[in-house]
Amino acid sequence: MFNLMSAASYIDPTTTNYVIQILVGVAVAVSAVIGIFGNKLKRLLFKKKSGEETPSAELAGSKHEKKDISAADLLADDSDEAKD
């Protein structure tokens, strides 16, 4: 039914290189999927209770608010330093 004769075969270095590239690509893709969905799963599992504030909500009302800086502001700061 099956022919169990051994076949003489040769795997050249180029084929080995392709196999290594495939394995590395699969490893990178799997680690990316684990990283993305692992973070989402962690956030879902460790969600804070509804009464607690999130760190972003705490910072929104604090004195660490972001301020937009224009090029004129930067140039004004440089000219003030040059006068001193």
Foldseek 3Di string as FASTA:
>chain_A
DDDPDDDDDDDDPVNVVVVVVVVVVVVVVVVVVCVVVVVVVVCVVPPDDPVDDDPVVVVVPDPPDDDDDDPVNVVVVVVVVVVD
